[in-house]
Amino acid sequence: MTQSLEDYLEMVSFLSDEGAVRVTDIALRLGVSKPSVLTALRALEGQGLLEHERYRTVTLTQKGNLQASEIRERHSFLTIFLQEIVGVSPAIAEKDACKMEHLLSEETLKKMRSLVKVKKKPDKRLV
């Protein structure tokens, strides 16, 4: 899946948390045209990730929910990692996490997660 389609899927997931998802809402949040949204929705629908009927709302399928959930978790982890471990500002962490979430391998993410676990373990030194 392309970075762009992942962004659309993630946005549909975010918007569905707030209620019904419409093409107009997606276009406004992503700053793109409605025809661009419709093209992306057709591609995602073709992959079995969502359902959309013209002039109706957009809904994620079970498969789409699972994939969107993974994308959102990765984004959230990276944002927190960049803020708490690296020490960048929340705005920069959010911006960079958006870029990184599409590029990092699972191996790299696993290693980053292990760093967080190591760093957050309680100190076992005797007092």
C-alpha atoms as a PDB file:
ATOM      1  CA  MET A   1       0.000   0.000   0.000  1.00  0.00           C
ATOM      2  CA  THR A   2       1.282   3.479  -0.800  1.00  0.00           C
ATOM      3  CA  GLN A   3       1.993   6.160   1.785  1.00  0.00           C
ATOM      4  CA  SER A   4      -0.878   8.194   0.394  1.00  0.00           C
ATOM      5  CA  LEU A   5      -3.395   5.356   0.738  1.00  0.00           C
ATOM      6  CA  GLU A   6      -2.203   4.706   4.291  1.00  0.00           C
ATOM      7  CA  ASP A   7      -2.872   8.375   5.065  1.00  0.00           C
ATOM      8  CA  TYR A   8      -6.403   8.089   3.684  1.00  0.00           C
ATOM      9  CA  LEU A   9      -7.075   4.899   5.628  1.00  0.00           C
ATOM     10  CA  GLU A  10      -5.743   6.466   8.818  1.00  0.00           C
ATOM     11  CA  MET A  11      -7.914   9.554   8.308  1.00  0.00           C
ATOM     12  CA  VAL A  12     -11.045   7.466   7.733  1.00  0.00           C
ATOM     13  CA  SER A  13     -10.266   5.699  11.004  1.00  0.00           C
ATOM     14  CA  PHE A  14      -9.775   8.980  12.898  1.00  0.00           C
ATOM     15  CA  LEU A  15     -12.970  10.457  11.480  1.00  0.00           C
ATOM     16  CA  SER A  16     -14.974   7.321  12.230  1.00  0.00           C
ATOM     17  CA  ASP A  17     -14.079   7.835  15.907  1.00  0.00           C
ATOM     18  CA  GLU A  18     -16.091  11.061  15.673  1.00  0.00           C
ATOM     19  CA  GLY A  19     -19.066   9.597  13.784  1.00  0.00           C
ATOM     20  CA  ALA A  20     -20.092   9.159  10.157  1.00  0.00           C
ATOM     21  CA  VAL A  21     -17.325   9.700   7.608  1.00  0.00           C
ATOM     22  CA  ARG A  22     -18.058  11.689   4.464  1.00  0.00           C
ATOM     23  CA  VAL A  23     -15.880  12.392   1.432  1.00  0.00           C
ATOM     24  CA  THR A  24     -16.066  16.112   2.211  1.00  0.00           C
ATOM     25  CA  ASP A  25     -14.701  15.545   5.724  1.00  0.00           C
ATOM     26  CA  ILE A  26     -11.750  13.550   4.398  1.00  0.00           C
ATOM     27  CA  ALA A  27     -10.975  16.177   1.763  1.00  0.00           C
ATOM     28  CA  LEU A  28     -11.074  19.009   4.316  1.00  0.00           C
ATOM     29  CA  ARG A  29      -8.891  17.235   6.876  1.00  0.00           C
ATOM     30  CA  LEU A  30      -6.275  16.151   4.350  1.00  0.00           C
ATOM     31  CA  GLY A  31      -6.401  19.349   2.305  1.00  0.00           C
ATOM     32  CA  VAL A  32      -7.126  17.562  -0.955  1.00  0.00           C
ATOM     33  CA  SER A  33      -9.884  17.658  -3.569  1.00  0.00           C
ATOM     34  CA  LYS A  34     -12.981  15.472  -3.466  1.00  0.00           C
ATOM     35  CA  PRO A  35     -11.995  13.733  -6.726  1.00  0.00           C
ATOM     36  CA  SER A  36      -8.650  12.799  -5.107  1.00  0.00           C
ATOM     37  CA  VAL A  37     -10.513  11.335  -2.139  1.00  0.00           C
ATOM     38  CA  LEU A  38     -12.824   9.344  -4.419  1.00  0.00           C
ATOM     39  CA  THR A  39      -9.848   7.905  -6.319  1.00  0.00           C
ATOM     40  CA  ALA A  40      -8.199   6.825  -3.065  1.00  0.00           C
ATOM     41  CA  LEU A  41     -11.447   5.370  -1.709  1.00  0.00           C
ATOM     42  CA  ARG A  42     -11.899   3.279  -4.851  1.00  0.00           C
ATOM     43  CA  ALA A  43      -8.377   1.887  -4.432  1.00  0.00           C
ATOM     44  CA  LEU A  44      -8.957   1.107  -0.741  1.00  0.00           C
ATOM     45  CA  GLU A  45     -12.323  -0.438  -1.527  1.00  0.00           C
ATOM     46  CA  GLY A  46     -10.630  -2.591  -4.170  1.00  0.00           C
ATOM     47  CA  GLN A  47      -8.306  -3.895  -1.459  1.00  0.00           C
ATOM     48  CA  GLY A  48     -11.273  -4.765   0.750  1.00  0.00           C
ATOM     49  CA  LEU A  49     -10.401  -2.139   3.372  1.00  0.00           C
ATOM     50  CA  LEU A  50     -13.535  -0.014   3.245  1.00  0.00           C
ATOM     51  CA  GLU A  51     -16.967   0.371   1.730  1.00  0.00           C
ATOM     52  CA  HIS A  52     -18.334   3.478   0.062  1.00  0.00           C
ATOM     53  CA  GLU A  53     -21.375   4.130  -2.054  1.00  0.00           C
ATOM     54  CA  ARG A  54     -21.584   7.385  -3.976  1.00  0.00           C
ATOM     55  CA  TYR A  55     -23.125  10.179  -1.849  1.00  0.00           C
ATOM     56  CA  ARG A  56     -23.066   7.919   1.206  1.00  0.00           C
ATOM     57  CA  THR A  57     -20.756   7.546   4.176  1.00  0.00           C
ATOM     58  CA  VAL A  58     -17.466   5.665   4.208  1.00  0.00           C
ATOM     59  CA  THR A  59     -17.071   2.668   6.534  1.00  0.00           C
ATOM     60  CA  LEU A  60     -14.040   0.537   7.273  1.00  0.00           C
ATOM     61  CA  THR A  61     -14.293  -3.209   6.864  1.00  0.00           C
ATOM     62  CA  GLN A  62     -12.935  -5.525   9.547  1.00  0.00           C
ATOM     63  CA  LYS A  63      -9.732  -5.831   7.517  1.00  0.00           C
ATOM     64  CA  GLY A  64      -9.611  -2.039   7.129  1.00  0.00           C
ATOM     65  CA  ASN A  65     -10.114  -1.500  10.848  1.00  0.00           C
ATOM     66  CA  LEU A  66      -7.246  -3.853  11.622  1.00  0.00           C
ATOM     67  CA  GLN A  67      -4.867  -2.194   9.161  1.00  0.00           C
ATOM     68  CA  ALA A  68      -5.883   1.337  10.241  1.00  0.00           C
ATOM     69  CA  SER A  69      -5.377   0.348  13.858  1.00  0.00           C
ATOM     70  CA  GLU A  70      -1.829  -0.820  13.082  1.00  0.00           C
ATOM     71  CA  ILE A  71      -1.056   2.426  11.250  1.00  0.00           C
ATOM     72  CA  ARG A  72      -2.440   4.521  14.109  1.00  0.00           C
ATOM     73  CA  GLU A  73      -0.499   2.556  16.720  1.00  0.00           C
ATOM     74  CA  ARG A  74       2.732   2.961  14.751  1.00  0.00           C
ATOM     75  CA  HIS A  75       2.100   6.699  14.400  1.00  0.00           C
ATOM     76  CA  SER A  76       1.304   7.067  18.087  1.00  0.00           C
ATOM     77  CA  PHE A  77       4.378   5.097  19.159  1.00  0.00           C
ATOM     78  CA  LEU A  78       6.674   7.148  16.931  1.00  0.00           C
ATOM     79  CA  THR A  79       5.223  10.433  18.181  1.00  0.00           C
ATOM     80  CA  ILE A  80       5.760   9.423  21.802  1.00  0.00           C
ATOM     81  CA  PHE A  81       9.228   8.012  21.058  1.00  0.00           C
ATOM     82  CA  LEU A  82      10.323  11.237  19.391  1.00  0.00           C
ATOM     83  CA  GLN A  83       8.990  13.364  22.250  1.00  0.00           C
ATOM     84  CA  GLU A  84      10.034  11.296  25.250  1.00  0.00           C
ATOM     85  CA  ILE A  85      13.159   9.482  24.100  1.00  0.00           C
ATOM     86  CA  VAL A  86      14.603  11.849  21.511  1.00  0.00           C
ATOM     87  CA  GLY A  87      13.288  15.016  23.163  1.00  0.00           C
ATOM     88  CA  VAL A  88      11.816  16.898  20.224  1.00  0.00           C
ATOM     89  CA  SER A  89       8.834  19.234  20.557  1.00  0.00           C
ATOM     90  CA  PRO A  90       5.301  17.807  20.193  1.00  0.00           C
ATOM     91  CA  ALA A  91       4.747  19.634  16.880  1.00  0.00           C
ATOM     92  CA  ILE A  92       7.973  18.305  15.348  1.00  0.00           C
ATOM     93  CA  ALA A  93       7.341  14.814  16.774  1.00  0.00           C
ATOM     94  CA  GLU A  94       3.905  14.724  15.146  1.00  0.00           C
ATOM     95  CA  LYS A  95       5.211  15.956  11.795  1.00  0.00           C
ATOM     96  CA  ASP A  96       8.173  13.567  11.747  1.00  0.00           C
ATOM     97  CA  ALA A  97       6.097  10.600  12.943  1.00  0.00           C
ATOM     98  CA  CYS A  98       3.789  11.132   9.941  1.00  0.00           C
ATOM     99  CA  LYS A  99       6.755  10.709   7.636  1.00  0.00           C
ATOM    100  CA  MET A 100       8.504   7.931   9.537  1.00  0.00           C
ATOM    101  CA  GLU A 101       5.465   5.701   9.998  1.00  0.00           C
ATOM    102  CA  HIS A 102       5.497   4.847   6.300  1.00  0.00           C
ATOM    103  CA  LEU A 103       9.221   4.298   5.917  1.00  0.00           C
ATOM    104  CA  LEU A 104      10.524   2.358   8.902  1.00  0.00           C
ATOM    105  CA  SER A 105      10.785  -1.409   8.739  1.00  0.00           C
ATOM    106  CA  GLU A 106       9.172  -3.650  11.326  1.00  0.00           C
ATOM    107  CA  GLU A 107      12.658  -4.626  12.479  1.00  0.00           C
ATOM    108  CA  THR A 108      13.558  -0.992  13.201  1.00  0.00           C
ATOM    109  CA  LEU A 109      10.270  -0.370  14.993  1.00  0.00           C
ATOM    110  CA  LYS A 110      10.789  -3.486  17.102  1.00  0.00           C
ATOM    111  CA  LYS A 111      14.247  -2.288  18.132  1.00  0.00           C
ATOM    112  CA  MET A 112      12.880   1.179  18.938  1.00  0.00           C
ATOM    113  CA  ARG A 113      10.141  -0.384  21.068  1.00  0.00           C
ATOM    114  CA  SER A 114      12.727  -2.438  22.932  1.00  0.00           C
ATOM    115  CA  LEU A 115      14.637   0.765  23.740  1.00  0.00           C
ATOM    116  CA  VAL A 116      11.518   2.232  25.307  1.00  0.00           C
ATOM    117  CA  LYS A 117      10.965  -0.898  27.392  1.00  0.00           C
ATOM    118  CA  VAL A 118      14.571  -0.857  28.587  1.00  0.00           C
ATOM    119  CA  LYS A 119      14.460   2.844  29.397  1.00  0.00           C
ATOM    120  CA  LYS A 120      11.179   2.573  31.321  1.00  0.00           C
ATOM    121  CA  LYS A 121      12.150  -0.425  33.465  1.00  0.00           C
ATOM    122  CA  PRO A 122      12.393   0.460  37.145  1.00  0.00           C
ATOM    123  CA  ASP A 123      15.844   0.939  38.593  1.00  0.00           C
ATOM    124  CA  LYS A 124      16.699  -2.190  40.599  1.00  0.00           C
ATOM    125  CA  ARG A 125      19.677  -0.744  42.432  1.00  0.00           C
ATOM    126  CA  LEU A 126      19.626  -1.133  46.176  1.00  0.00           C
ATOM    127  CA  VAL A 127      18.973   2.080  48.032  1.00  0.00           C
END
